[in-house]
Protein backbone atom coordinates (compact mmCIF):
# COMPACT_ATOMS: atom_id res chain seq x y z
CA MET A 1 94.15 121.23 104.90
CA GLY A 2 94.97 118.24 102.76
CA ASP A 3 93.20 118.35 99.42
CA VAL A 4 92.39 122.08 99.45
CA ARG A 5 90.28 123.03 96.46
CA LEU A 6 89.01 126.58 96.31
CA HIS A 7 88.88 129.31 93.70
CA GLU A 8 92.07 131.32 93.23
CA SER A 9 90.31 134.54 94.27
CA TRP A 10 90.11 133.29 97.87
CA LYS A 11 93.59 131.80 98.23
CA THR A 12 95.70 134.93 98.79
CA PRO A 13 93.21 136.76 101.08
CA LEU A 14 92.78 133.62 103.20
CA GLN A 15 96.43 132.55 103.28
CA GLY A 16 96.93 134.08 106.71
CA GLU A 17 94.08 131.93 108.03
CA PHE A 18 95.48 128.74 106.51
CA ASP A 19 98.86 129.54 108.11
CA ALA A 20 97.42 130.42 111.54
CA PRO A 21 97.95 128.21 114.61
CA TYR A 22 94.21 127.61 115.02
CA MET A 23 94.07 126.11 111.54
CA ALA A 24 97.00 123.81 112.32
CA ALA A 25 95.11 122.66 115.42
CA LEU A 26 91.96 122.10 113.38
CA ARG A 27 93.93 120.13 110.80
CA GLN A 28 95.41 117.98 113.57
CA PHE A 29 91.96 117.35 115.04
CA LEU A 30 90.50 116.27 111.68
CA VAL A 31 93.43 113.96 110.91
CA GLY A 32 93.08 112.46 114.38
CA GLU A 33 89.37 111.83 113.89
CA LYS A 34 90.01 110.11 110.57
CA ASP A 35 92.77 108.02 112.14
CA LYS A 36 90.22 106.81 114.70
CA GLY A 37 88.09 105.54 111.83
CA LYS A 38 85.41 108.20 112.16
CA HIS A 39 83.46 109.20 109.07
CA ILE A 40 83.61 112.93 108.34
CA PHE A 41 81.22 114.75 106.02
CA PRO A 42 81.56 116.15 103.45
CA SER A 43 84.56 114.47 101.82
CA GLY A 44 87.85 116.37 102.09
CA GLY A 45 87.72 117.60 98.51
CA GLU A 46 84.38 119.29 99.19
CA TRP A 47 85.11 121.16 102.44
CA PHE A 48 85.64 124.39 100.52
CA ARG A 49 83.16 123.72 97.71
CA ALA A 50 81.30 126.98 98.39
CA LEU A 51 84.56 128.91 97.90
CA ASP A 52 85.40 126.94 94.78
CA LEU A 53 82.08 127.57 92.99
CA THR A 54 81.64 131.21 94.06
CA PRO A 55 84.69 133.46 93.50
CA LEU A 56 85.14 136.32 95.97
CA ASP A 57 84.71 138.98 93.30
CA LYS A 58 81.46 137.36 92.11
CA VAL A 59 79.69 137.10 95.48
CA LYS A 60 76.38 138.96 95.35
CA VAL A 61 74.32 137.05 97.95
CA VAL A 62 75.42 135.23 101.11
CA ILE A 63 73.30 132.55 102.80
CA LEU A 64 74.67 131.38 106.14
CA GLY A 65 74.10 127.91 107.54
CA GLN A 66 75.48 126.21 110.66
CA ASP A 67 76.80 122.66 110.17
CA PRO A 68 76.90 120.29 107.20
CA TYR A 69 74.21 117.62 107.08
CA HIS A 70 75.42 114.60 109.04
CA GLY A 71 73.60 111.87 107.11
CA GLU A 72 75.31 109.57 104.64
CA GLY A 73 75.60 111.07 101.15
CA GLN A 74 73.94 114.40 101.97
CA ALA A 75 76.59 117.11 102.50
CA HIS A 76 78.76 118.34 99.64
CA GLY A 77 80.05 121.69 100.88
CA LEU A 78 77.12 124.06 100.27
CA CYS A 79 74.76 125.03 103.09
CA PHE A 80 71.20 123.69 102.80
CA SER A 81 72.15 121.77 99.62
CA VAL A 82 72.24 118.00 99.16
CA LYS A 83 73.69 115.85 96.42
CA PRO A 84 71.56 114.85 93.41
CA GLY A 85 69.34 111.90 94.21
CA VAL A 86 69.14 112.76 97.93
CA ARG A 87 65.75 113.73 99.31
CA PRO A 88 65.62 117.47 100.19
CA PRO A 89 65.71 117.88 104.00
CA PRO A 90 62.85 119.70 105.81
CA SER A 91 64.56 123.12 105.99
CA LEU A 92 65.24 123.07 102.27
CA VAL A 93 61.65 122.01 101.58
CA ASN A 94 60.53 125.10 103.51
CA ILE A 95 62.94 127.28 101.51
CA TYR A 96 61.31 125.91 98.37
CA LYS A 97 57.86 126.68 99.78
CA GLU A 98 58.86 130.30 100.35
CA LEU A 99 60.33 130.48 96.85
CA GLY A 100 57.00 129.23 95.55
CA THR A 101 54.94 131.91 97.27
CA ASP A 102 57.52 134.69 96.76
CA LEU A 103 58.47 134.10 93.13
CA ASN A 104 55.83 131.60 92.01
CA LEU A 105 58.50 128.98 91.33
CA THR A 106 57.64 125.31 91.04
CA ARG A 107 59.31 123.17 93.68
CA PRO A 108 62.37 121.41 92.22
CA PRO A 109 62.44 117.60 92.48
CA HIS A 110 65.96 117.71 93.96
CA GLY A 111 67.97 119.62 96.60
CA PHE A 112 71.13 120.39 94.61
CA LEU A 113 71.85 124.15 94.84
CA GLU A 114 75.01 124.49 92.73
CA HIS A 115 73.06 126.56 90.18
CA TRP A 116 72.74 129.29 92.81
CA ALA A 117 76.40 129.07 93.83
CA LYS A 118 77.56 129.48 90.24
CA GLN A 119 75.60 132.75 90.01
CA GLY A 120 77.31 134.35 93.00
CA VAL A 121 75.28 133.00 95.93
CA LEU A 122 77.81 132.04 98.61
CA LEU A 123 76.24 129.08 100.42
CA LEU A 124 78.44 129.13 103.51
CA ASN A 125 78.18 126.98 106.60
CA SER A 126 79.77 128.32 109.79
CA VAL A 127 81.34 124.92 110.46
CA LEU A 128 82.60 123.05 107.40
CA THR A 129 82.79 119.46 108.66
CA VAL A 130 80.81 117.10 110.86
CA GLU A 131 81.06 113.53 112.12
CA MET A 132 78.54 111.14 110.62
CA GLY A 133 75.37 111.04 112.69
CA LEU A 134 76.54 113.62 115.24
CA ALA A 135 75.19 117.12 114.67
CA ALA A 136 77.45 119.96 115.88
CA SER A 137 80.30 117.51 116.56
CA HIS A 138 82.95 119.79 115.00
CA ARG A 139 81.84 123.09 116.51
CA GLU A 140 84.35 125.22 118.44
CA ARG A 141 87.28 123.53 116.72
CA GLY A 142 88.32 126.53 114.62
CA TRP A 143 86.00 126.51 111.63
CA GLU A 144 83.99 129.42 113.05
CA LYS A 145 87.06 131.65 113.07
CA PHE A 146 87.84 130.70 109.48
CA THR A 147 84.31 131.41 108.24
CA ASP A 148 84.26 134.70 110.15
CA ALA A 149 87.28 135.67 108.04
CA ILE A 150 85.35 134.76 104.89
CA ILE A 151 82.44 136.98 105.93
CA ARG A 152 84.86 139.83 106.69
CA LEU A 153 86.30 139.53 103.17
CA VAL A 154 82.82 139.72 101.65
CA ASN A 155 81.93 142.62 103.91
CA ALA A 156 85.00 144.50 102.62
CA LYS A 157 83.90 144.18 98.99
CA PRO A 158 83.19 147.59 97.41
CA ASP A 159 80.09 146.36 95.57
CA PRO A 160 76.90 145.80 97.59
CA VAL A 161 76.03 142.27 98.69
CA VAL A 162 72.80 140.80 100.11
CA PHE A 163 73.09 138.77 103.33
CA LEU A 164 70.21 136.38 104.02
CA LEU A 165 70.43 135.62 107.74
CA TRP A 166 67.96 132.96 108.83
CA GLY A 167 67.84 132.26 112.54
CA SER A 168 69.61 133.81 115.52
CA TYR A 169 72.84 131.90 114.94
CA ALA A 170 73.39 133.39 111.49
CA GLN A 171 72.27 136.82 112.65
CA LYS A 172 74.80 136.86 115.50
CA LYS A 173 77.61 135.55 113.32
CA ALA A 174 77.19 138.31 110.73
CA ALA A 175 76.28 141.08 113.18
CA PHE A 176 79.35 143.10 112.15
CA VAL A 177 78.32 143.38 108.48
CA ASP A 178 78.24 146.94 107.15
CA SER A 179 74.49 146.97 106.57
CA THR A 180 72.30 149.60 104.94
CA ASP A 181 70.32 150.09 108.16
CA LYS A 182 73.59 151.26 109.76
CA GLY A 183 74.39 153.53 106.83
CA GLY A 184 76.49 150.87 105.09
CA ARG A 185 76.27 149.38 101.61
CA HIS A 186 75.14 145.77 102.15
CA LEU A 187 71.50 144.68 102.45
CA VAL A 188 70.98 142.45 105.49
CA LEU A 189 67.68 140.56 105.54
CA LYS A 190 66.74 138.66 108.70
CA ALA A 191 64.10 136.00 109.34
CA PRO A 192 63.61 132.96 111.56
CA HIS A 193 65.33 129.75 110.46
CA PRO A 194 63.46 127.73 107.81
CA SER A 195 63.46 124.60 109.96
CA PRO A 196 60.03 123.11 110.75
CA LEU A 197 60.45 124.38 114.34
CA SER A 198 60.54 128.05 113.35
CA ALA A 199 59.51 128.53 109.73
CA HIS A 200 55.96 129.49 110.68
CA ALA A 201 57.30 132.17 113.05
CA GLY A 202 58.19 134.49 110.20
CA PHE A 203 60.33 132.69 107.64
CA PHE A 204 57.26 132.01 105.55
CA GLY A 205 56.26 135.31 104.03
CA CYS A 206 59.67 136.97 104.43
CA ARG A 207 60.01 137.33 100.63
CA HIS A 208 63.78 137.47 100.90
CA PHE A 209 64.35 136.18 97.38
CA SER A 210 62.40 138.91 95.61
CA LYS A 211 63.81 141.54 98.00
CA ALA A 212 67.35 140.36 97.23
CA ASN A 213 66.78 140.58 93.50
CA ALA A 214 65.14 144.00 93.74
CA PHE A 215 68.17 145.29 95.65
CA LEU A 216 70.64 143.77 93.18
CA GLU A 217 68.80 145.27 90.22
CA ALA A 218 68.68 148.68 91.92
CA GLN A 219 72.48 148.43 92.24
CA GLY A 220 72.86 147.63 88.56
CA GLN A 221 73.64 143.97 89.20
CA THR A 222 72.13 140.91 87.54
CA PRO A 223 69.41 139.30 89.71
CA VAL A 224 69.69 135.68 90.78
CA ASP A 225 67.77 133.02 88.89
CA TRP A 226 66.39 131.20 91.92
CA SER A 227 64.82 128.43 89.87
CA LEU A 228 66.79 125.19 89.74
CA PRO A 229 67.30 123.24 86.51
CA PRO A 230 67.00 119.46 86.45
CA VAL A 231 70.08 117.47 87.47
């Protein structure tokens, strides 16, 4: 995949995916798009940023998104996150509102979520690239199969993980997770998407952040510091 940068812990388990025909087809598609002069976000070195910052053995929470942001300078490989200096998009603003009511955290002045990723929060989009200005432009090209494999690897971890599934898309994608309500070991928390269209339908008040930390602590794991330091 060109300039592949991801943590060593993912490389061997995912090697079969990188070698698969669907990934060769995806690679060919992306090269072709670039050759046509199309702008693809995020930059190639950041496609696997979530896997680079959050080693497989350190994953304790998974947040699933759909596509990268398609505006100039926004996406950098972590779902819901934007680069320093970029105004937080509406869904992220709503996530911050819920953090405020759930954990009494002051809203950060930025939208850069790497602090979460470095603590074991896998901020994974289903599709890892997008054409500038065209939402969903790289769907059904192979990324979904690749990210399904990532979720399967996390699901196979022996230590319990919290899955925060916001919106029907994320809930369908991770429907196979071995959740506690099916007698499994992972905590799956579901709510509507935090977008302005659905946040008032149940995302606000879901208290997923405190519930995630309570579960982690009950399992003897370190809770996540959901506050975000200045950047």
